[in-house]
Amino acid sequence: MKKLRIGFPSGSLQESTFNLFAKAGYRVRLASRSYVPDIDDPELEGLMFRSQEIAKYVARGVVDVGLTGKDWIIENDVDVVELGEL
């Protein structure tokens, strides 16, 4: 089964992103010094990145989707589809 790969922002947006997923019914946890969060859905897997790099990793296919700021999409001049504004 193919998993949906999600790029999660590390740093100041990490906790609010995990809280957003919790409101949607997903438990996302990250052990200290890890870059791979644990998600309670077997169809999802995640990787932690700096917010400013997520759009580049989505454009390159490293992850399928990611959460980042529109400013980073514009600054990195990448071709990605914006699904929504949070």
PDB file of N, CA and C in Angstrom:
ATOM      1  N   MET A   1       0.845  -1.171   0.000  1.00  0.00           N
ATOM      2  CA  MET A   1       0.000   0.000   0.000  1.00  0.00           C
ATOM      3  C   MET A   1       0.895   1.240   0.000  1.00  0.00           C
ATOM      4  N   LYS A   2       0.611   2.142  -0.908  1.00  0.00           N
ATOM      5  CA  LYS A   2       1.359   3.396  -0.956  1.00  0.00           C
ATOM      6  C   LYS A   2       0.852   4.339   0.128  1.00  0.00           C
ATOM      7  N   LYS A   3       1.778   5.008   0.793  1.00  0.00           N
ATOM      8  CA  LYS A   3       1.433   5.950   1.862  1.00  0.00           C
ATOM      9  C   LYS A   3       1.510   7.388   1.351  1.00  0.00           C
ATOM     10  N   LEU A   4       0.672   8.241   1.919  1.00  0.00           N
ATOM     11  CA  LEU A   4       0.749   9.667   1.637  1.00  0.00           C
ATOM     12  C   LEU A   4       1.876  10.243   2.479  1.00  0.00           C
ATOM     13  N   ARG A   5       2.856  10.852   1.820  1.00  0.00           N
ATOM     14  CA  ARG A   5       4.011  11.426   2.513  1.00  0.00           C
ATOM     15  C   ARG A   5       3.776  12.908   2.769  1.00  0.00           C
ATOM     16  N   ILE A   6       3.837  13.309   4.041  1.00  0.00           N
ATOM     17  CA  ILE A   6       3.532  14.669   4.450  1.00  0.00           C
ATOM     18  C   ILE A   6       4.792  15.353   4.962  1.00  0.00           C
ATOM     19  N   GLY A   7       5.042  16.567   4.490  1.00  0.00           N
ATOM     20  CA  GLY A   7       6.137  17.380   4.997  1.00  0.00           C
ATOM     21  C   GLY A   7       5.616  18.277   6.111  1.00  0.00           C
ATOM     22  N   PHE A   8       6.077  18.025   7.327  1.00  0.00           N
ATOM     23  CA  PHE A   8       5.668  18.812   8.491  1.00  0.00           C
ATOM     24  C   PHE A   8       6.712  19.882   8.798  1.00  0.00           C
ATOM     25  N   PRO A   9       6.264  21.075   9.203  1.00  0.00           N
ATOM     26  CA  PRO A   9       7.223  22.123   9.560  1.00  0.00           C
ATOM     27  C   PRO A   9       7.793  21.910  10.963  1.00  0.00           C
ATOM     28  N   SER A  10       9.084  22.016  11.067  1.00  0.00           N
ATOM     29  CA  SER A  10       9.723  21.957  12.385  1.00  0.00           C
ATOM     30  C   SER A  10       9.769  23.373  12.956  1.00  0.00           C
ATOM     31  N   GLY A  11      10.208  23.484  14.178  1.00  0.00           N
ATOM     32  CA  GLY A  11      10.351  24.811  14.777  1.00  0.00           C
ATOM     33  C   GLY A  11       9.049  25.363  15.305  1.00  0.00           C
ATOM     34  N   SER A  12       8.851  26.661  15.110  1.00  0.00           N
ATOM     35  CA  SER A  12       7.726  27.359  15.740  1.00  0.00           C
ATOM     36  C   SER A  12       6.358  26.904  15.234  1.00  0.00           C
ATOM     37  N   LEU A  13       6.265  26.343  14.040  1.00  0.00           N
ATOM     38  CA  LEU A  13       4.975  25.889  13.514  1.00  0.00           C
ATOM     39  C   LEU A  13       4.666  24.429  13.839  1.00  0.00           C
ATOM     40  N   GLN A  14       5.613  23.732  14.418  1.00  0.00           N
ATOM     41  CA  GLN A  14       5.446  22.294  14.662  1.00  0.00           C
ATOM     42  C   GLN A  14       4.249  21.987  15.561  1.00  0.00           C
ATOM     43  N   GLU A  15       4.193  22.592  16.712  1.00  0.00           N
ATOM     44  CA  GLU A  15       3.136  22.278  17.675  1.00  0.00           C
ATOM     45  C   GLU A  15       1.757  22.641  17.143  1.00  0.00           C
ATOM     46  N   SER A  16       1.624  23.805  16.507  1.00  0.00           N
ATOM     47  CA  SER A  16       0.315  24.192  15.984  1.00  0.00           C
ATOM     48  C   SER A  16      -0.114  23.274  14.833  1.00  0.00           C
ATOM     49  N   THR A  17       0.838  22.781  14.058  1.00  0.00           N
ATOM     50  CA  THR A  17       0.512  21.840  12.985  1.00  0.00           C
ATOM     51  C   THR A  17       0.045  20.513  13.571  1.00  0.00           C
ATOM     52  N   PHE A  18       0.735  20.018  14.583  1.00  0.00           N
ATOM     53  CA  PHE A  18       0.310  18.777  15.235  1.00  0.00           C
ATOM     54  C   PHE A  18      -1.060  18.949  15.874  1.00  0.00           C
ATOM     55  N   ASN A  19      -1.333  20.128  16.435  1.00  0.00           N
ATOM     56  CA  ASN A  19      -2.655  20.405  17.010  1.00  0.00           C
ATOM     57  C   ASN A  19      -3.736  20.423  15.936  1.00  0.00           C
ATOM     58  N   LEU A  20      -3.426  20.966  14.774  1.00  0.00           N
ATOM     59  CA  LEU A  20      -4.363  20.976  13.660  1.00  0.00           C
ATOM     60  C   LEU A  20      -4.719  19.543  13.257  1.00  0.00           C
ATOM     61  N   PHE A  21      -3.717  18.683  13.181  1.00  0.00           N
ATOM     62  CA  PHE A  21      -3.967  17.282  12.841  1.00  0.00           C
ATOM     63  C   PHE A  21      -4.775  16.595  13.943  1.00  0.00           C
ATOM     64  N   ALA A  22      -4.532  16.951  15.194  1.00  0.00           N
ATOM     65  CA  ALA A  22      -5.300  16.383  16.308  1.00  0.00           C
ATOM     66  C   ALA A  22      -6.774  16.761  16.184  1.00  0.00           C
ATOM     67  N   LYS A  23      -7.068  17.988  15.782  1.00  0.00           N
ATOM     68  CA  LYS A  23      -8.454  18.413  15.589  1.00  0.00           C
ATOM     69  C   LYS A  23      -9.123  17.618  14.468  1.00  0.00           C
ATOM     70  N   ALA A  24      -8.320  17.143  13.516  1.00  0.00           N
ATOM     71  CA  ALA A  24      -8.845  16.335  12.417  1.00  0.00           C
ATOM     72  C   ALA A  24      -8.908  14.851  12.775  1.00  0.00           C
ATOM     73  N   GLY A  25      -8.479  14.514  13.998  1.00  0.00           N
ATOM     74  CA  GLY A  25      -8.576  13.133  14.451  1.00  0.00           C
ATOM     75  C   GLY A  25      -7.314  12.302  14.316  1.00  0.00           C
ATOM     76  N   TYR A  26      -6.184  12.930  14.032  1.00  0.00           N
ATOM     77  CA  TYR A  26      -4.905  12.212  13.896  1.00  0.00           C
ATOM     78  C   TYR A  26      -3.979  12.559  15.052  1.00  0.00           C
ATOM     79  N   ARG A  27      -3.298  11.555  15.560  1.00  0.00           N
ATOM     80  CA  ARG A  27      -2.295  11.790  16.597  1.00  0.00           C
ATOM     81  C   ARG A  27      -0.931  11.765  15.916  1.00  0.00           C
ATOM     82  N   VAL A  28      -0.223  12.875  16.012  1.00  0.00           N
ATOM     83  CA  VAL A  28       1.116  12.995  15.440  1.00  0.00           C
ATOM     84  C   VAL A  28       2.062  13.312  16.592  1.00  0.00           C
ATOM     85  N   ARG A  29       3.081  12.485  16.742  1.00  0.00           N
ATOM     86  CA  ARG A  29       4.071  12.691  17.812  1.00  0.00           C
ATOM     87  C   ARG A  29       5.467  12.611  17.225  1.00  0.00           C
ATOM     88  N   LEU A  30       6.368  13.324  17.877  1.00  0.00           N
ATOM     89  CA  LEU A  30       7.753  13.348  17.414  1.00  0.00           C
ATOM     90  C   LEU A  30       8.672  13.148  18.613  1.00  0.00           C
ATOM     91  N   ALA A  31       9.483  12.112  18.545  1.00  0.00           N
ATOM     92  CA  ALA A  31      10.487  11.882  19.588  1.00  0.00           C
ATOM     93  C   ALA A  31      11.588  12.921  19.445  1.00  0.00           C
ATOM     94  N   SER A  32      12.214  13.267  20.544  1.00  0.00           N
ATOM     95  CA  SER A  32      13.290  14.251  20.477  1.00  0.00           C
ATOM     96  C   SER A  32      14.405  13.752  19.565  1.00  0.00           C
ATOM     97  N   ARG A  33      14.960  14.670  18.816  1.00  0.00           N
ATOM     98  CA  ARG A  33      16.045  14.410  17.866  1.00  0.00           C
ATOM     99  C   ARG A  33      15.646  13.512  16.703  1.00  0.00           C
ATOM    100  N   SER A  34      14.362  13.412  16.433  1.00  0.00           N
ATOM    101  CA  SER A  34      13.879  12.612  15.312  1.00  0.00           C
ATOM    102  C   SER A  34      13.356  13.525  14.222  1.00  0.00           C
ATOM    103  N   TYR A  35      13.435  13.063  12.989  1.00  0.00           N
ATOM    104  CA  TYR A  35      12.883  13.794  11.855  1.00  0.00           C
ATOM    105  C   TYR A  35      11.689  13.067  11.252  1.00  0.00           C
ATOM    106  N   VAL A  36      11.300  11.937  11.884  1.00  0.00           N
ATOM    107  CA  VAL A  36      10.201  11.127  11.379  1.00  0.00           C
ATOM    108  C   VAL A  36       9.127  11.030  12.460  1.00  0.00           C
ATOM    109  N   PRO A  37       8.033  11.788  12.306  1.00  0.00           N
ATOM    110  CA  PRO A  37       6.980  11.727  13.316  1.00  0.00           C
ATOM    111  C   PRO A  37       6.199  10.418  13.240  1.00  0.00           C
ATOM    112  N   ASP A  38       5.631  10.039  14.365  1.00  0.00           N
ATOM    113  CA  ASP A  38       4.766   8.873  14.441  1.00  0.00           C
ATOM    114  C   ASP A  38       3.331   9.360  14.235  1.00  0.00           C
ATOM    115  N   ILE A  39       2.636   8.771  13.261  1.00  0.00           N
ATOM    116  CA  ILE A  39       1.251   9.142  12.963  1.00  0.00           C
ATOM    117  C   ILE A  39       0.392   7.897  13.150  1.00  0.00           C
ATOM    118  N   ASP A  40      -0.748   8.069  13.794  1.00  0.00           N
ATOM    119  CA  ASP A  40      -1.596   6.920  14.120  1.00  0.00           C
ATOM    120  C   ASP A  40      -2.479   6.451  12.964  1.00  0.00           C
ATOM    121  N   ASP A  41      -2.055   6.674  11.757  1.00  0.00           N
ATOM    122  CA  ASP A  41      -2.768   6.205  10.573  1.00  0.00           C
ATOM    123  C   ASP A  41      -1.756   5.495   9.677  1.00  0.00           C
ATOM    124  N   PRO A  42      -1.959   4.212   9.391  1.00  0.00           N
ATOM    125  CA  PRO A  42      -0.972   3.467   8.605  1.00  0.00           C
ATOM    126  C   PRO A  42      -0.850   3.931   7.152  1.00  0.00           C
ATOM    127  N   GLU A  43      -1.758   4.767   6.692  1.00  0.00           N
ATOM    128  CA  GLU A  43      -1.685   5.258   5.323  1.00  0.00           C
ATOM    129  C   GLU A  43      -0.935   6.585   5.205  1.00  0.00           C
ATOM    130  N   LEU A  44      -0.438   7.098   6.337  1.00  0.00           N
ATOM    131  CA  LEU A  44       0.287   8.371   6.353  1.00  0.00           C
ATOM    132  C   LEU A  44       1.692   8.174   6.890  1.00  0.00           C
ATOM    133  N   GLU A  45       2.617   8.912   6.328  1.00  0.00           N
ATOM    134  CA  GLU A  45       3.959   8.987   6.898  1.00  0.00           C
ATOM    135  C   GLU A  45       4.437  10.424   6.768  1.00  0.00           C
ATOM    136  N   GLY A  46       5.283  10.829   7.676  1.00  0.00           N
ATOM    137  CA  GLY A  46       5.713  12.214   7.674  1.00  0.00           C
ATOM    138  C   GLY A  46       7.209  12.373   7.811  1.00  0.00           C
ATOM    139  N   LEU A  47       7.667  13.544   7.434  1.00  0.00           N
ATOM    140  CA  LEU A  47       9.054  13.949   7.608  1.00  0.00           C
ATOM    141  C   LEU A  47       9.048  15.397   8.063  1.00  0.00           C
ATOM    142  N   MET A  48       9.971  15.742   8.920  1.00  0.00           N
ATOM    143  CA  MET A  48      10.094  17.105   9.430  1.00  0.00           C
ATOM    144  C   MET A  48      11.111  17.877   8.587  1.00  0.00           C
ATOM    145  N   PHE A  49      10.743  19.099   8.229  1.00  0.00           N
ATOM    146  CA  PHE A  49      11.626  19.974   7.471  1.00  0.00           C
ATOM    147  C   PHE A  49      11.499  21.398   8.008  1.00  0.00           C
ATOM    148  N   ARG A  50      12.462  22.224   7.709  1.00  0.00           N
ATOM    149  CA  ARG A  50      12.313  23.654   7.980  1.00  0.00           C
ATOM    150  C   ARG A  50      11.205  24.175   7.063  1.00  0.00           C
ATOM    151  N   SER A  51      10.385  25.073   7.571  1.00  0.00           N
ATOM    152  CA  SER A  51       9.252  25.589   6.802  1.00  0.00           C
ATOM    153  C   SER A  51       9.669  26.130   5.437  1.00  0.00           C
ATOM    154  N   GLN A  52      10.799  26.808   5.410  1.00  0.00           N
ATOM    155  CA  GLN A  52      11.239  27.425   4.167  1.00  0.00           C
ATOM    156  C   GLN A  52      11.671  26.420   3.101  1.00  0.00           C
ATOM    157  N   GLU A  53      11.829  25.146   3.463  1.00  0.00           N
ATOM    158  CA  GLU A  53      12.258  24.134   2.495  1.00  0.00           C
ATOM    159  C   GLU A  53      11.137  23.217   2.031  1.00  0.00           C
ATOM    160  N   ILE A  54       9.998  23.240   2.688  1.00  0.00           N
ATOM    161  CA  ILE A  54       8.929  22.283   2.387  1.00  0.00           C
ATOM    162  C   ILE A  54       8.435  22.401   0.954  1.00  0.00           C
ATOM    163  N   ALA A  55       8.212  23.599   0.447  1.00  0.00           N
ATOM    164  CA  ALA A  55       7.710  23.757  -0.925  1.00  0.00           C
ATOM    165  C   ALA A  55       8.670  23.137  -1.940  1.00  0.00           C
ATOM    166  N   LYS A  56       9.968  23.281  -1.715  1.00  0.00           N
ATOM    167  CA  LYS A  56      10.950  22.676  -2.624  1.00  0.00           C
ATOM    168  C   LYS A  56      10.855  21.161  -2.604  1.00  0.00           C
ATOM    169  N   TYR A  57      10.655  20.580  -1.420  1.00  0.00           N
ATOM    170  CA  TYR A  57      10.563  19.121  -1.315  1.00  0.00           C
ATOM    171  C   TYR A  57       9.278  18.589  -1.930  1.00  0.00           C
ATOM    172  N   VAL A  58       8.194  19.363  -1.858  1.00  0.00           N
ATOM    173  CA  VAL A  58       6.959  18.961  -2.534  1.00  0.00           C
ATOM    174  C   VAL A  58       7.172  19.020  -4.046  1.00  0.00           C
ATOM    175  N   ALA A  59       7.755  20.092  -4.533  1.00  0.00           N
ATOM    176  CA  ALA A  59       7.993  20.247  -5.979  1.00  0.00           C
ATOM    177  C   ALA A  59       8.893  19.143  -6.524  1.00  0.00           C
ATOM    178  N   ARG A  60       9.847  18.692  -5.742  1.00  0.00           N
ATOM    179  CA  ARG A  60      10.782  17.637  -6.177  1.00  0.00           C
ATOM    180  C   ARG A  60      10.225  16.228  -5.976  1.00  0.00           C
ATOM    181  N   GLY A  61       9.082  16.103  -5.303  1.00  0.00           N
ATOM    182  CA  GLY A  61       8.494  14.788  -5.091  1.00  0.00           C
ATOM    183  C   GLY A  61       9.026  14.031  -3.898  1.00  0.00           C
ATOM    184  N   VAL A  62       9.798  14.694  -3.046  1.00  0.00           N
ATOM    185  CA  VAL A  62      10.295  14.049  -1.833  1.00  0.00           C
ATOM    186  C   VAL A  62       9.129  13.719  -0.913  1.00  0.00           C
ATOM    187  N   VAL A  63       8.160  14.643  -0.828  1.00  0.00           N
ATOM    188  CA  VAL A  63       6.909  14.421  -0.103  1.00  0.00           C
ATOM    189  C   VAL A  63       5.758  14.753  -1.050  1.00  0.00           C
ATOM    190  N   ASP A  64       4.589  14.188  -0.759  1.00  0.00           N
ATOM    191  CA  ASP A  64       3.422  14.424  -1.613  1.00  0.00           C
ATOM    192  C   ASP A  64       2.742  15.749  -1.313  1.00  0.00           C
ATOM    193  N   VAL A  65       2.685  16.106  -0.043  1.00  0.00           N
ATOM    194  CA  VAL A  65       2.056  17.353   0.413  1.00  0.00           C
ATOM    195  C   VAL A  65       2.885  17.926   1.549  1.00  0.00           C
ATOM    196  N   GLY A  66       2.675  19.201   1.834  1.00  0.00           N
ATOM    197  CA  GLY A  66       3.389  19.816   2.945  1.00  0.00           C
ATOM    198  C   GLY A  66       2.650  21.038   3.445  1.00  0.00           C
ATOM    199  N   LEU A  67       2.978  21.428   4.652  1.00  0.00           N
ATOM    200  CA  LEU A  67       2.386  22.619   5.258  1.00  0.00           C
ATOM    201  C   LEU A  67       3.477  23.666   5.417  1.00  0.00           C
ATOM    202  N   THR A  68       3.285  24.794   4.738  1.00  0.00           N
ATOM    203  CA  THR A  68       4.258  25.873   4.777  1.00  0.00           C
ATOM    204  C   THR A  68       3.557  27.189   4.472  1.00  0.00           C
ATOM    205  N   GLY A  69       4.276  28.255   4.550  1.00  0.00           N
ATOM    206  CA  GLY A  69       3.703  29.568   4.264  1.00  0.00           C
ATOM    207  C   GLY A  69       3.749  29.899   2.787  1.00  0.00           C
ATOM    208  N   LYS A  70       2.756  30.661   2.355  1.00  0.00           N
ATOM    209  CA  LYS A  70       2.719  31.098   0.951  1.00  0.00           C
ATOM    210  C   LYS A  70       3.983  31.885   0.595  1.00  0.00           C
ATOM    211  N   ASP A  71       4.519  32.616   1.578  1.00  0.00           N
ATOM    212  CA  ASP A  71       5.743  33.379   1.331  1.00  0.00           C
ATOM    213  C   ASP A  71       6.892  32.478   0.894  1.00  0.00           C
ATOM    214  N   TRP A  72       6.979  31.283   1.451  1.00  0.00           N
ATOM    215  CA  TRP A  72       8.061  30.366   1.081  1.00  0.00           C
ATOM    216  C   TRP A  72       7.836  29.761  -0.295  1.00  0.00           C
ATOM    217  N   ILE A  73       6.584  29.590  -0.688  1.00  0.00           N
ATOM    218  CA  ILE A  73       6.293  29.112  -2.038  1.00  0.00           C
ATOM    219  C   ILE A  73       6.743  30.162  -3.046  1.00  0.00           C
ATOM    220  N   ILE A  74       6.401  31.410  -2.785  1.00  0.00           N
ATOM    221  CA  ILE A  74       6.770  32.502  -3.688  1.00  0.00           C
ATOM    222  C   ILE A  74       8.284  32.693  -3.721  1.00  0.00           C
ATOM    223  N   GLU A  75       8.906  32.726  -2.554  1.00  0.00           N
ATOM    224  CA  GLU A  75      10.353  32.965  -2.490  1.00  0.00           C
ATOM    225  C   GLU A  75      11.152  31.864  -3.180  1.00  0.00           C
ATOM    226  N   ASN A  76      10.695  30.610  -3.059  1.00  0.00           N
ATOM    227  CA  ASN A  76      11.409  29.500  -3.686  1.00  0.00           C
ATOM    228  C   ASN A  76      11.047  29.312  -5.153  1.00  0.00           C
ATOM    229  N   ASP A  77      10.028  30.066  -5.639  1.00  0.00           N
ATOM    230  CA  ASP A  77       9.617  30.025  -7.041  1.00  0.00           C
ATOM    231  C   ASP A  77       9.448  28.589  -7.529  1.00  0.00           C
ATOM    232  N   VAL A  78       8.582  27.842  -6.827  1.00  0.00           N
ATOM    233  CA  VAL A  78       8.354  26.439  -7.177  1.00  0.00           C
ATOM    234  C   VAL A  78       6.942  26.264  -7.715  1.00  0.00           C
ATOM    235  N   ASP A  79       6.782  25.230  -8.521  1.00  0.00           N
ATOM    236  CA  ASP A  79       5.501  24.914  -9.124  1.00  0.00           C
ATOM    237  C   ASP A  79       4.790  23.874  -8.271  1.00  0.00           C
ATOM    238  N   VAL A  80       3.937  24.337  -7.377  1.00  0.00           N
ATOM    239  CA  VAL A  80       3.140  23.458  -6.518  1.00  0.00           C
ATOM    240  C   VAL A  80       1.693  23.916  -6.565  1.00  0.00           C
ATOM    241  N   VAL A  81       0.801  23.033  -6.184  1.00  0.00           N
ATOM    242  CA  VAL A  81      -0.621  23.357  -6.117  1.00  0.00           C
ATOM    243  C   VAL A  81      -0.965  23.688  -4.677  1.00  0.00           C
ATOM    244  N   GLU A  82      -1.537  24.857  -4.472  1.00  0.00           N
ATOM    245  CA  GLU A  82      -1.962  25.247  -3.130  1.00  0.00           C
ATOM    246  C   GLU A  82      -3.370  24.705  -2.890  1.00  0.00           C
ATOM    247  N   LEU A  83      -3.513  23.880  -1.853  1.00  0.00           N
ATOM    248  CA  LEU A  83      -4.811  23.260  -1.582  1.00  0.00           C
ATOM    249  C   LEU A  83      -5.681  24.074  -0.649  1.00  0.00           C
ATOM    250  N   GLY A  84      -5.086  24.897   0.172  1.00  0.00           N
ATOM    251  CA  GLY A  84      -5.884  25.681   1.086  1.00  0.00           C
ATOM    252  C   GLY A  84      -5.043  26.638   1.881  1.00  0.00           C
ATOM    253  N   GLU A  85      -5.740  27.525   2.555  1.00  0.00           N
ATOM    254  CA  GLU A  85      -5.087  28.506   3.405  1.00  0.00           C
ATOM    255  C   GLU A  85      -5.507  28.241   4.842  1.00  0.00           C
ATOM    256  N   LEU A  86      -4.536  28.160   5.725  1.00  0.00           N
ATOM    257  CA  LEU A  86      -4.840  27.868   7.133  1.00  0.00           C
ATOM    258  C   LEU A  86      -4.711  29.113   7.980  1.00  0.00           C
TER     259      LEU A  86
END
